[in-house]
């Protein structure tokens, strides 16, 4: 254990044993949130993965075509399109890739689309590196463990309202109509911070 002055420093070993990781540990992470991407990439490297990263659909597809990875973590909403396009290309090039989808929007329809395209799990952002690792290395056909800190019902509702608002091109009147909600009520919800 390393020591600094008189105090010993506990360093946590996050890497897996050789028998816990497959031989091919290649991983791509595609996310346009650069600080989150850097943190997750570093955390996954510490866990033994060989990480390459991209910030857009175009960059993600380029990485896949250069060398298709064994694992992938893909954000649904990217600056130049939808993460489903990255998933579709990845499953076309390498169908056995284990893909995790990340999103800030808890949307059942998108989750179903991602799974139909080949994703094995769907995690809400900000996802913890341990949750991502567990999902990537879970046995085939294993049921995912419930999250340690799931979103509250208020947060799920808020995420849904935000998603519909974005899909309606930030038109409050149209969003309120589609949600069967009074316009002023919607405006008050949109003005508040996201619940925890």
N, C-alpha and C. Protein backbone atom coordinates (compact mmCIF):
# COMPACT_ATOMS: atom_id res chain seq x y z
N UNK A 1 0.85 -1.18 0.00
CA UNK A 1 0.00 0.00 0.00
C UNK A 1 0.90 1.24 0.00
N UNK A 2 0.71 2.19 -0.98
CA UNK A 2 1.58 3.36 -1.00
C UNK A 2 1.34 4.25 0.21
N UNK A 3 2.41 4.97 0.61
CA UNK A 3 2.28 5.86 1.76
C UNK A 3 2.63 7.28 1.36
N UNK A 4 1.90 8.23 1.93
CA UNK A 4 2.20 9.64 1.76
C UNK A 4 2.41 10.16 3.16
N UNK A 5 3.67 10.59 3.44
CA UNK A 5 3.98 11.02 4.81
C UNK A 5 3.77 9.84 5.75
N UNK A 6 3.01 10.05 6.81
CA UNK A 6 2.73 8.99 7.76
C UNK A 6 1.48 8.21 7.40
N UNK A 7 0.70 8.71 6.45
CA UNK A 7 -0.60 8.13 6.16
C UNK A 7 -0.53 7.18 4.96
N UNK A 8 -1.16 6.06 5.07
CA UNK A 8 -1.22 5.14 3.94
C UNK A 8 -2.44 5.49 3.08
N UNK A 9 -2.28 5.33 1.79
CA UNK A 9 -3.34 5.66 0.85
C UNK A 9 -3.94 4.37 0.31
N UNK A 10 -5.23 4.23 0.41
CA UNK A 10 -5.90 3.05 -0.12
C UNK A 10 -6.22 3.31 -1.58
N UNK A 11 -5.67 2.50 -2.45
CA UNK A 11 -5.98 2.63 -3.88
C UNK A 11 -6.88 1.47 -4.28
N UNK A 12 -8.02 1.81 -4.81
CA UNK A 12 -8.99 0.79 -5.18
C UNK A 12 -8.61 0.20 -6.53
N UNK A 13 -8.52 -1.11 -6.60
CA UNK A 13 -8.23 -1.80 -7.85
C UNK A 13 -9.55 -2.09 -8.56
N UNK A 14 -9.81 -1.34 -9.63
CA UNK A 14 -11.06 -1.49 -10.35
C UNK A 14 -10.97 -2.48 -11.51
N UNK A 15 -9.76 -2.96 -11.80
CA UNK A 15 -9.60 -3.88 -12.92
C UNK A 15 -10.16 -5.25 -12.57
N UNK A 16 -10.51 -5.97 -13.59
CA UNK A 16 -11.04 -7.32 -13.41
C UNK A 16 -9.91 -8.32 -13.54
N UNK A 17 -10.13 -9.51 -13.02
CA UNK A 17 -9.16 -10.59 -13.20
C UNK A 17 -9.18 -11.02 -14.66
N UNK A 18 -8.10 -11.63 -15.12
CA UNK A 18 -8.01 -12.04 -16.53
C UNK A 18 -9.18 -12.95 -16.94
N UNK A 19 -9.61 -13.83 -16.04
CA UNK A 19 -10.68 -14.76 -16.39
C UNK A 19 -12.06 -14.09 -16.39
N UNK A 20 -12.16 -12.87 -15.86
CA UNK A 20 -13.45 -12.17 -15.83
C UNK A 20 -13.70 -11.37 -17.11
N UNK A 21 -12.63 -10.95 -17.78
CA UNK A 21 -12.76 -10.19 -19.02
C UNK A 21 -12.51 -11.10 -20.21
N UNK A 22 -13.26 -10.91 -21.29
CA UNK A 22 -13.02 -11.71 -22.48
C UNK A 22 -11.68 -11.31 -23.12
N UNK A 23 -11.20 -12.13 -24.04
CA UNK A 23 -9.94 -11.84 -24.71
C UNK A 23 -10.03 -10.52 -25.49
N UNK A 24 -11.14 -10.32 -26.21
CA UNK A 24 -11.35 -9.08 -26.96
C UNK A 24 -12.04 -8.08 -26.03
N UNK A 25 -11.27 -7.09 -25.56
CA UNK A 25 -11.81 -6.09 -24.62
C UNK A 25 -12.04 -4.74 -25.30
N UNK A 26 -12.14 -4.75 -26.64
CA UNK A 26 -12.32 -3.50 -27.37
C UNK A 26 -13.70 -2.91 -27.08
N UNK A 27 -13.72 -1.60 -26.82
CA UNK A 27 -14.94 -0.90 -26.45
C UNK A 27 -14.96 0.46 -27.13
N UNK A 28 -16.11 0.81 -27.75
CA UNK A 28 -16.28 2.18 -28.20
C UNK A 28 -17.37 2.83 -27.36
N UNK A 29 -17.17 4.10 -27.07
CA UNK A 29 -18.16 4.90 -26.35
C UNK A 29 -18.50 6.08 -27.26
N UNK A 30 -19.78 6.24 -27.57
CA UNK A 30 -20.22 7.33 -28.44
C UNK A 30 -21.17 8.21 -27.63
N UNK A 31 -20.73 9.43 -27.34
CA UNK A 31 -21.52 10.37 -26.54
C UNK A 31 -21.07 11.78 -26.86
N UNK A 32 -22.01 12.71 -27.03
CA UNK A 32 -21.63 14.09 -27.36
C UNK A 32 -21.41 14.96 -26.12
N UNK A 33 -21.63 14.41 -24.94
CA UNK A 33 -21.33 15.11 -23.69
C UNK A 33 -19.86 14.83 -23.37
N UNK A 34 -18.98 15.74 -23.79
CA UNK A 34 -17.53 15.48 -23.73
C UNK A 34 -17.00 15.21 -22.32
N UNK A 35 -17.38 16.00 -21.30
CA UNK A 35 -16.87 15.69 -19.95
C UNK A 35 -17.32 14.30 -19.47
N UNK A 36 -18.59 13.96 -19.70
CA UNK A 36 -19.09 12.63 -19.31
C UNK A 36 -18.33 11.55 -20.07
N UNK A 37 -18.12 11.75 -21.37
CA UNK A 37 -17.41 10.78 -22.20
C UNK A 37 -16.00 10.54 -21.69
N UNK A 38 -15.29 11.62 -21.35
CA UNK A 38 -13.92 11.47 -20.85
C UNK A 38 -13.89 10.70 -19.53
N UNK A 39 -14.82 11.04 -18.62
CA UNK A 39 -14.86 10.34 -17.32
C UNK A 39 -15.17 8.85 -17.51
N UNK A 40 -16.17 8.55 -18.34
CA UNK A 40 -16.55 7.16 -18.54
C UNK A 40 -15.43 6.39 -19.25
N UNK A 41 -14.81 7.00 -20.26
CA UNK A 41 -13.72 6.33 -20.98
C UNK A 41 -12.59 5.98 -20.02
N UNK A 42 -12.21 6.94 -19.18
CA UNK A 42 -11.13 6.69 -18.21
C UNK A 42 -11.51 5.59 -17.23
N UNK A 43 -12.74 5.65 -16.72
CA UNK A 43 -13.20 4.63 -15.77
C UNK A 43 -13.21 3.24 -16.41
N UNK A 44 -13.61 3.15 -17.68
CA UNK A 44 -13.65 1.85 -18.34
C UNK A 44 -12.24 1.34 -18.65
N UNK A 45 -11.30 2.24 -18.94
CA UNK A 45 -9.90 1.84 -19.12
C UNK A 45 -9.34 1.27 -17.82
N UNK A 46 -9.68 1.91 -16.71
CA UNK A 46 -9.23 1.41 -15.40
C UNK A 46 -9.79 0.02 -15.10
N UNK A 47 -10.91 -0.32 -15.71
CA UNK A 47 -11.53 -1.62 -15.50
C UNK A 47 -11.03 -2.67 -16.50
N UNK A 48 -10.07 -2.29 -17.35
CA UNK A 48 -9.44 -3.26 -18.24
C UNK A 48 -9.89 -3.24 -19.69
N UNK A 49 -10.76 -2.32 -20.07
CA UNK A 49 -11.22 -2.25 -21.46
C UNK A 49 -10.26 -1.42 -22.31
N UNK A 50 -10.21 -1.72 -23.61
CA UNK A 50 -9.43 -0.95 -24.57
C UNK A 50 -10.41 0.00 -25.25
N UNK A 51 -10.39 1.26 -24.84
CA UNK A 51 -11.44 2.21 -25.19
C UNK A 51 -11.04 3.13 -26.35
N UNK A 52 -11.99 3.29 -27.27
CA UNK A 52 -11.94 4.35 -28.30
C UNK A 52 -13.24 5.13 -28.15
N UNK A 53 -13.20 6.43 -28.41
CA UNK A 53 -14.41 7.22 -28.20
C UNK A 53 -14.72 8.12 -29.39
N UNK A 54 -16.02 8.48 -29.49
CA UNK A 54 -16.51 9.35 -30.56
C UNK A 54 -17.56 10.28 -30.00
N UNK A 55 -17.74 11.43 -30.66
CA UNK A 55 -18.69 12.44 -30.19
C UNK A 55 -19.93 12.55 -31.06
N UNK A 56 -19.98 11.81 -32.16
CA UNK A 56 -21.10 11.96 -33.09
C UNK A 56 -21.41 10.64 -33.78
N UNK A 57 -22.54 10.60 -34.48
CA UNK A 57 -22.92 9.42 -35.25
C UNK A 57 -21.84 9.14 -36.30
N UNK A 58 -21.43 10.19 -37.02
CA UNK A 58 -20.42 10.01 -38.09
C UNK A 58 -19.11 9.45 -37.54
N UNK A 59 -18.62 10.00 -36.42
CA UNK A 59 -17.38 9.50 -35.82
C UNK A 59 -17.54 8.07 -35.33
N UNK A 60 -18.70 7.77 -34.74
CA UNK A 60 -18.96 6.41 -34.24
C UNK A 60 -18.94 5.40 -35.36
N UNK A 61 -19.60 5.72 -36.47
CA UNK A 61 -19.65 4.81 -37.62
C UNK A 61 -18.25 4.64 -38.21
N UNK A 62 -17.47 5.71 -38.24
CA UNK A 62 -16.10 5.65 -38.74
C UNK A 62 -15.25 4.68 -37.89
N UNK A 63 -15.39 4.78 -36.55
CA UNK A 63 -14.66 3.87 -35.66
C UNK A 63 -15.08 2.42 -35.87
N UNK A 64 -16.37 2.20 -36.05
CA UNK A 64 -16.89 0.85 -36.27
C UNK A 64 -16.34 0.26 -37.55
N UNK A 65 -16.33 1.05 -38.61
CA UNK A 65 -15.84 0.56 -39.91
C UNK A 65 -14.34 0.31 -39.89
N UNK A 66 -13.61 1.09 -39.09
CA UNK A 66 -12.16 0.89 -38.97
C UNK A 66 -11.86 -0.42 -38.24
N UNK A 67 -12.59 -0.65 -37.15
CA UNK A 67 -12.42 -1.89 -36.37
C UNK A 67 -13.63 -2.05 -35.47
N UNK A 68 -14.49 -3.00 -35.79
CA UNK A 68 -15.71 -3.22 -35.00
C UNK A 68 -15.34 -3.76 -33.62
N UNK A 69 -15.85 -3.14 -32.56
CA UNK A 69 -15.49 -3.55 -31.20
C UNK A 69 -16.35 -4.71 -30.68
N UNK A 70 -15.88 -5.31 -29.60
CA UNK A 70 -16.65 -6.36 -28.92
C UNK A 70 -17.74 -5.76 -28.06
N UNK A 71 -17.53 -4.51 -27.58
CA UNK A 71 -18.46 -3.83 -26.70
C UNK A 71 -18.70 -2.40 -27.18
N UNK A 72 -19.89 -1.89 -26.88
CA UNK A 72 -20.19 -0.50 -27.24
C UNK A 72 -21.14 0.11 -26.22
N UNK A 73 -20.92 1.39 -25.94
CA UNK A 73 -21.81 2.19 -25.10
C UNK A 73 -22.19 3.39 -25.96
N UNK A 74 -23.48 3.51 -26.27
CA UNK A 74 -23.94 4.53 -27.23
C UNK A 74 -25.03 5.39 -26.61
N UNK A 75 -24.84 6.70 -26.68
CA UNK A 75 -25.87 7.64 -26.22
C UNK A 75 -26.93 7.73 -27.32
N UNK A 76 -28.20 7.86 -26.92
CA UNK A 76 -29.29 7.93 -27.91
C UNK A 76 -29.30 9.24 -28.67
N UNK A 77 -29.08 10.35 -27.98
CA UNK A 77 -29.17 11.65 -28.62
C UNK A 77 -27.78 12.20 -28.83
N UNK A 78 -27.40 12.32 -30.10
CA UNK A 78 -26.08 12.83 -30.45
C UNK A 78 -26.24 14.11 -31.25
N UNK A 79 -25.17 14.90 -31.31
CA UNK A 79 -25.27 16.22 -31.94
C UNK A 79 -25.65 16.15 -33.42
N UNK A 80 -25.32 15.07 -34.10
CA UNK A 80 -25.63 14.99 -35.53
C UNK A 80 -26.66 13.92 -35.86
N UNK A 81 -27.40 13.43 -34.86
CA UNK A 81 -28.42 12.43 -35.17
C UNK A 81 -28.75 11.55 -33.98
N UNK A 82 -29.14 10.33 -34.31
CA UNK A 82 -29.66 9.40 -33.32
C UNK A 82 -28.70 8.22 -33.14
N UNK A 83 -28.48 7.82 -31.89
CA UNK A 83 -27.60 6.69 -31.60
C UNK A 83 -28.08 5.39 -32.22
N UNK A 84 -29.37 5.31 -32.56
CA UNK A 84 -29.88 4.10 -33.22
C UNK A 84 -29.15 3.83 -34.53
N UNK A 85 -28.70 4.89 -35.22
CA UNK A 85 -27.94 4.72 -36.47
C UNK A 85 -26.59 4.05 -36.20
N UNK A 86 -25.96 4.39 -35.10
CA UNK A 86 -24.68 3.76 -34.71
C UNK A 86 -24.92 2.29 -34.39
N UNK A 87 -25.99 2.01 -33.64
CA UNK A 87 -26.31 0.63 -33.27
C UNK A 87 -26.60 -0.21 -34.51
N UNK A 88 -27.36 0.34 -35.44
CA UNK A 88 -27.69 -0.39 -36.68
C UNK A 88 -26.43 -0.75 -37.46
N UNK A 89 -25.51 0.20 -37.58
CA UNK A 89 -24.26 -0.06 -38.30
C UNK A 89 -23.42 -1.10 -37.58
N UNK A 90 -23.35 -0.99 -36.27
CA UNK A 90 -22.55 -1.93 -35.48
C UNK A 90 -23.08 -3.35 -35.58
N UNK A 91 -24.39 -3.52 -35.49
CA UNK A 91 -24.95 -4.87 -35.58
C UNK A 91 -24.85 -5.42 -37.01
N UNK A 92 -24.78 -4.53 -38.00
CA UNK A 92 -24.59 -4.98 -39.39
C UNK A 92 -23.16 -5.50 -39.57
N UNK A 93 -22.18 -4.77 -39.02
CA UNK A 93 -20.77 -5.11 -39.20
C UNK A 93 -20.35 -6.24 -38.27
N UNK A 94 -20.80 -6.20 -37.01
CA UNK A 94 -20.42 -7.22 -36.03
C UNK A 94 -21.61 -7.53 -35.13
N UNK A 95 -22.45 -8.49 -35.53
CA UNK A 95 -23.69 -8.79 -34.81
C UNK A 95 -23.51 -9.24 -33.36
N UNK A 96 -22.33 -9.75 -32.99
CA UNK A 96 -22.15 -10.26 -31.63
C UNK A 96 -21.69 -9.19 -30.64
N UNK A 97 -21.58 -7.94 -31.07
CA UNK A 97 -21.17 -6.86 -30.17
C UNK A 97 -22.20 -6.68 -29.07
N UNK A 98 -21.73 -6.52 -27.84
CA UNK A 98 -22.62 -6.27 -26.70
C UNK A 98 -22.76 -4.76 -26.55
N UNK A 99 -23.98 -4.26 -26.77
CA UNK A 99 -24.23 -2.82 -26.84
C UNK A 99 -25.11 -2.38 -25.67
N UNK A 100 -24.67 -1.31 -25.02
CA UNK A 100 -25.45 -0.66 -23.97
C UNK A 100 -25.86 0.70 -24.50
N UNK A 101 -27.12 1.06 -24.30
CA UNK A 101 -27.63 2.35 -24.73
C UNK A 101 -27.78 3.25 -23.52
N UNK A 102 -27.30 4.49 -23.65
CA UNK A 102 -27.44 5.50 -22.60
C UNK A 102 -28.37 6.59 -23.08
N UNK A 103 -29.17 7.12 -22.19
CA UNK A 103 -30.00 8.26 -22.56
C UNK A 103 -30.38 9.07 -21.34
N UNK A 104 -30.60 10.35 -21.56
CA UNK A 104 -31.10 11.22 -20.51
C UNK A 104 -32.61 11.24 -20.50
N UNK A 105 -33.21 10.55 -21.42
CA UNK A 105 -34.66 10.53 -21.56
C UNK A 105 -35.16 9.12 -21.36
N UNK A 106 -35.96 8.89 -20.33
CA UNK A 106 -36.51 7.57 -20.06
C UNK A 106 -37.67 7.30 -21.01
N UNK A 107 -37.38 6.74 -22.17
CA UNK A 107 -38.39 6.56 -23.20
C UNK A 107 -38.51 5.09 -23.57
N UNK A 108 -39.65 4.49 -23.27
CA UNK A 108 -39.87 3.07 -23.53
C UNK A 108 -39.76 2.75 -25.02
N UNK A 109 -40.35 3.57 -25.87
CA UNK A 109 -40.34 3.29 -27.32
C UNK A 109 -38.92 3.26 -27.86
N UNK A 110 -38.08 4.19 -27.43
CA UNK A 110 -36.70 4.21 -27.89
C UNK A 110 -35.94 3.01 -27.36
N UNK A 111 -36.21 2.62 -26.12
CA UNK A 111 -35.55 1.45 -25.54
C UNK A 111 -35.91 0.20 -26.34
N UNK A 112 -37.17 0.07 -26.70
CA UNK A 112 -37.61 -1.09 -27.48
C UNK A 112 -36.91 -1.09 -28.84
N UNK A 113 -36.83 0.07 -29.49
CA UNK A 113 -36.15 0.17 -30.79
C UNK A 113 -34.69 -0.23 -30.67
N UNK A 114 -34.02 0.24 -29.61
CA UNK A 114 -32.61 -0.07 -29.41
C UNK A 114 -32.40 -1.56 -29.20
N UNK A 115 -33.27 -2.19 -28.41
CA UNK A 115 -33.16 -3.63 -28.16
C UNK A 115 -33.43 -4.42 -29.43
N UNK A 116 -34.41 -3.99 -30.22
CA UNK A 116 -34.70 -4.67 -31.48
C UNK A 116 -33.51 -4.61 -32.43
N UNK A 117 -32.75 -3.51 -32.36
CA UNK A 117 -31.57 -3.36 -33.21
C UNK A 117 -30.37 -4.14 -32.69
N UNK A 118 -30.42 -4.60 -31.44
CA UNK A 118 -29.32 -5.40 -30.92
C UNK A 118 -28.74 -4.98 -29.60
N UNK A 119 -29.22 -3.91 -29.00
CA UNK A 119 -28.70 -3.50 -27.68
C UNK A 119 -29.11 -4.54 -26.64
N UNK A 120 -28.24 -4.74 -25.63
CA UNK A 120 -28.55 -5.73 -24.59
C UNK A 120 -29.11 -5.08 -23.34
N UNK A 121 -28.89 -3.77 -23.17
CA UNK A 121 -29.40 -3.09 -21.98
C UNK A 121 -29.55 -1.61 -22.28
N UNK A 122 -30.27 -0.94 -21.39
CA UNK A 122 -30.64 0.45 -21.56
C UNK A 122 -30.49 1.13 -20.21
N UNK A 123 -29.58 2.09 -20.10
CA UNK A 123 -29.32 2.75 -18.82
C UNK A 123 -29.56 4.24 -18.92
N UNK A 124 -30.14 4.83 -17.87
CA UNK A 124 -30.37 6.27 -17.84
C UNK A 124 -29.08 6.99 -17.47
N UNK A 125 -28.84 8.14 -18.12
CA UNK A 125 -27.69 8.97 -17.78
C UNK A 125 -28.03 9.83 -16.58
N UNK A 126 -27.06 10.15 -15.76
CA UNK A 126 -25.67 9.74 -15.90
C UNK A 126 -25.47 8.34 -15.35
N UNK A 127 -24.97 7.45 -16.15
CA UNK A 127 -24.78 6.06 -15.74
C UNK A 127 -23.45 5.91 -15.01
N UNK A 128 -23.45 5.09 -14.01
CA UNK A 128 -22.25 4.80 -13.24
C UNK A 128 -21.41 3.77 -14.01
N UNK A 129 -20.09 3.92 -13.97
CA UNK A 129 -19.21 3.01 -14.69
C UNK A 129 -19.38 1.57 -14.22
N UNK A 130 -19.69 1.37 -12.94
CA UNK A 130 -19.92 0.01 -12.43
C UNK A 130 -21.16 -0.60 -13.07
N UNK A 131 -22.24 0.21 -13.20
CA UNK A 131 -23.46 -0.29 -13.85
C UNK A 131 -23.20 -0.64 -15.30
N UNK A 132 -22.42 0.20 -16.00
CA UNK A 132 -22.10 -0.05 -17.41
C UNK A 132 -21.29 -1.34 -17.52
N UNK A 133 -20.29 -1.50 -16.66
CA UNK A 133 -19.45 -2.70 -16.69
C UNK A 133 -20.28 -3.95 -16.41
N UNK A 134 -21.13 -3.89 -15.38
CA UNK A 134 -21.98 -5.04 -15.05
C UNK A 134 -22.88 -5.41 -16.21
N UNK A 135 -23.44 -4.41 -16.88
CA UNK A 135 -24.33 -4.68 -18.02
C UNK A 135 -23.55 -5.27 -19.19
N UNK A 136 -22.37 -4.75 -19.47
CA UNK A 136 -21.56 -5.26 -20.58
C UNK A 136 -21.12 -6.70 -20.36
N UNK A 137 -20.81 -7.04 -19.11
CA UNK A 137 -20.27 -8.37 -18.81
C UNK A 137 -21.31 -9.35 -18.26
N UNK A 138 -22.57 -8.93 -18.23
CA UNK A 138 -23.63 -9.82 -17.73
C UNK A 138 -23.73 -11.06 -18.61
N UNK A 139 -24.01 -12.22 -18.01
CA UNK A 139 -24.19 -13.43 -18.82
C UNK A 139 -25.34 -13.25 -19.81
N UNK A 140 -25.21 -13.94 -20.95
CA UNK A 140 -26.28 -13.87 -21.95
C UNK A 140 -27.60 -14.32 -21.33
N UNK A 141 -28.67 -13.64 -21.69
CA UNK A 141 -30.03 -13.93 -21.22
C UNK A 141 -30.22 -13.77 -19.72
N UNK A 142 -29.26 -13.08 -19.06
CA UNK A 142 -29.41 -12.84 -17.62
C UNK A 142 -30.25 -11.60 -17.42
N UNK A 143 -31.09 -11.63 -16.42
CA UNK A 143 -31.92 -10.47 -16.11
C UNK A 143 -31.05 -9.45 -15.38
N UNK A 144 -31.11 -8.20 -15.84
CA UNK A 144 -30.31 -7.15 -15.22
C UNK A 144 -30.76 -6.90 -13.79
N UNK A 145 -29.79 -6.61 -12.93
CA UNK A 145 -30.11 -6.29 -11.54
C UNK A 145 -30.76 -4.92 -11.50
N UNK A 146 -31.66 -4.69 -10.55
CA UNK A 146 -32.28 -3.36 -10.45
C UNK A 146 -31.23 -2.32 -10.12
N UNK A 147 -31.39 -1.09 -10.61
CA UNK A 147 -30.40 -0.06 -10.33
C UNK A 147 -30.38 0.31 -8.85
N UNK A 148 -29.20 0.71 -8.37
CA UNK A 148 -29.05 1.11 -6.98
C UNK A 148 -29.82 2.39 -6.69
N UNK A 149 -29.77 3.34 -7.63
CA UNK A 149 -30.43 4.63 -7.46
C UNK A 149 -31.32 4.92 -8.65
N UNK A 150 -32.48 4.26 -8.75
CA UNK A 150 -33.35 4.50 -9.90
C UNK A 150 -33.94 5.90 -9.87
N UNK A 151 -34.37 6.37 -11.06
CA UNK A 151 -35.01 7.67 -11.14
C UNK A 151 -36.32 7.65 -10.35
N UNK A 152 -36.62 8.77 -9.71
CA UNK A 152 -37.89 8.88 -9.00
C UNK A 152 -39.02 9.00 -10.02
N UNK A 153 -40.25 8.77 -9.57
CA UNK A 153 -41.40 8.91 -10.46
C UNK A 153 -41.51 10.34 -10.98
N UNK A 154 -41.19 11.32 -10.13
CA UNK A 154 -41.22 12.72 -10.56
C UNK A 154 -40.20 12.97 -11.66
N UNK A 155 -39.03 12.37 -11.52
CA UNK A 155 -37.97 12.56 -12.52
C UNK A 155 -38.37 11.90 -13.84
N UNK A 156 -38.96 10.70 -13.79
CA UNK A 156 -39.41 10.02 -15.01
C UNK A 156 -40.45 10.87 -15.73
N UNK A 157 -41.39 11.42 -14.97
CA UNK A 157 -42.42 12.29 -15.55
C UNK A 157 -41.78 13.51 -16.20
N UNK A 158 -40.84 14.14 -15.49
CA UNK A 158 -40.16 15.32 -16.01
C UNK A 158 -39.40 14.99 -17.30
N UNK A 159 -38.70 13.85 -17.32
CA UNK A 159 -37.96 13.42 -18.52
C UNK A 159 -38.91 13.22 -19.70
N UNK A 160 -40.07 12.62 -19.42
CA UNK A 160 -41.05 12.39 -20.50
C UNK A 160 -41.55 13.72 -21.06
N UNK A 161 -41.87 14.66 -20.18
CA UNK A 161 -42.34 15.97 -20.63
C UNK A 161 -41.25 16.67 -21.46
N UNK A 162 -40.01 16.60 -20.99
CA UNK A 162 -38.90 17.22 -21.74
C UNK A 162 -38.74 16.59 -23.12
N UNK A 163 -38.88 15.29 -23.19
CA UNK A 163 -38.74 14.60 -24.49
C UNK A 163 -39.84 15.03 -25.45
N UNK A 164 -41.09 15.05 -25.00
CA UNK A 164 -42.19 15.47 -25.87
C UNK A 164 -41.99 16.92 -26.30
N UNK A 165 -41.54 17.76 -25.38
CA UNK A 165 -41.26 19.17 -25.68
C UNK A 165 -40.21 19.29 -26.78
N UNK A 166 -39.14 18.51 -26.69
CA UNK A 166 -38.09 18.52 -27.72
C UNK A 166 -38.64 18.01 -29.05
N UNK A 167 -39.43 16.93 -29.02
CA UNK A 167 -40.00 16.38 -30.25
C UNK A 167 -40.97 17.35 -30.92
N UNK A 168 -41.57 18.24 -30.14
CA UNK A 168 -42.49 19.25 -30.68
C UNK A 168 -41.73 20.54 -31.01
N UNK A 169 -40.41 20.42 -31.18
CA UNK A 169 -39.56 21.56 -31.52
C UNK A 169 -39.70 22.72 -30.53
N UNK A 170 -39.83 22.38 -29.25
CA UNK A 170 -39.91 23.34 -28.15
C UNK A 170 -41.12 24.27 -28.27
N UNK A 171 -42.18 23.75 -28.86
CA UNK A 171 -43.44 24.49 -29.00
C UNK A 171 -44.32 24.15 -27.80
N UNK A 172 -44.51 25.12 -26.89
CA UNK A 172 -45.23 24.87 -25.64
C UNK A 172 -46.68 24.49 -25.92
N UNK A 173 -47.34 25.20 -26.82
CA UNK A 173 -48.76 24.92 -27.12
C UNK A 173 -48.96 23.51 -27.65
N UNK A 174 -48.13 23.11 -28.60
CA UNK A 174 -48.24 21.77 -29.18
C UNK A 174 -47.92 20.69 -28.15
N UNK A 175 -46.90 20.93 -27.33
CA UNK A 175 -46.54 19.98 -26.28
C UNK A 175 -47.69 19.81 -25.29
N UNK A 176 -48.27 20.92 -24.86
CA UNK A 176 -49.40 20.87 -23.92
C UNK A 176 -50.57 20.11 -24.52
N UNK A 177 -50.84 20.33 -25.79
CA UNK A 177 -51.94 19.61 -26.47
C UNK A 177 -51.68 18.11 -26.47
N UNK A 178 -50.47 17.73 -26.84
CA UNK A 178 -50.15 16.30 -26.93
C UNK A 178 -50.12 15.62 -25.57
N UNK A 179 -49.76 16.36 -24.54
CA UNK A 179 -49.72 15.80 -23.18
C UNK A 179 -51.06 15.94 -22.45
N UNK A 180 -52.03 16.55 -23.14
CA UNK A 180 -53.35 16.78 -22.54
C UNK A 180 -53.20 17.53 -21.22
N UNK A 181 -52.47 18.65 -21.30
CA UNK A 181 -52.11 19.43 -20.12
C UNK A 181 -52.40 20.90 -20.41
N UNK A 182 -52.74 21.66 -19.40
CA UNK A 182 -52.95 23.10 -19.58
C UNK A 182 -51.61 23.75 -19.88
N UNK A 183 -51.62 24.71 -20.80
CA UNK A 183 -50.40 25.37 -21.25
C UNK A 183 -49.64 26.02 -20.08
N UNK A 184 -50.33 26.70 -19.18
CA UNK A 184 -49.67 27.37 -18.05
C UNK A 184 -49.02 26.36 -17.10
N UNK A 185 -49.70 25.24 -16.90
CA UNK A 185 -49.13 24.19 -16.05
C UNK A 185 -47.83 23.69 -16.66
N UNK A 186 -47.84 23.47 -17.98
CA UNK A 186 -46.64 23.01 -18.67
C UNK A 186 -45.53 24.05 -18.55
N UNK A 187 -45.85 25.31 -18.72
CA UNK A 187 -44.84 26.37 -18.61
C UNK A 187 -44.19 26.38 -17.22
N UNK A 188 -45.00 26.18 -16.18
CA UNK A 188 -44.45 26.13 -14.81
C UNK A 188 -43.50 24.94 -14.65
N UNK A 189 -43.88 23.79 -15.20
CA UNK A 189 -43.03 22.59 -15.12
C UNK A 189 -41.71 22.83 -15.85
N UNK A 190 -41.80 23.42 -17.05
CA UNK A 190 -40.59 23.66 -17.86
C UNK A 190 -39.66 24.68 -17.21
N UNK A 191 -40.21 25.59 -16.42
CA UNK A 191 -39.40 26.62 -15.78
C UNK A 191 -38.64 26.09 -14.56
N UNK A 192 -39.08 24.96 -14.02
CA UNK A 192 -38.45 24.39 -12.82
C UNK A 192 -37.24 23.53 -13.19
N UNK A 193 -36.38 23.33 -12.20
CA UNK A 193 -35.24 22.43 -12.37
C UNK A 193 -35.73 20.99 -12.34
N UNK A 194 -34.92 20.11 -12.90
CA UNK A 194 -35.27 18.69 -12.90
C UNK A 194 -35.32 18.15 -11.48
N UNK A 195 -36.37 17.37 -11.15
CA UNK A 195 -36.40 16.74 -9.81
C UNK A 195 -35.34 15.66 -9.71
N UNK A 196 -34.99 15.30 -8.49
CA UNK A 196 -33.96 14.24 -8.29
C UNK A 196 -34.58 12.88 -8.35
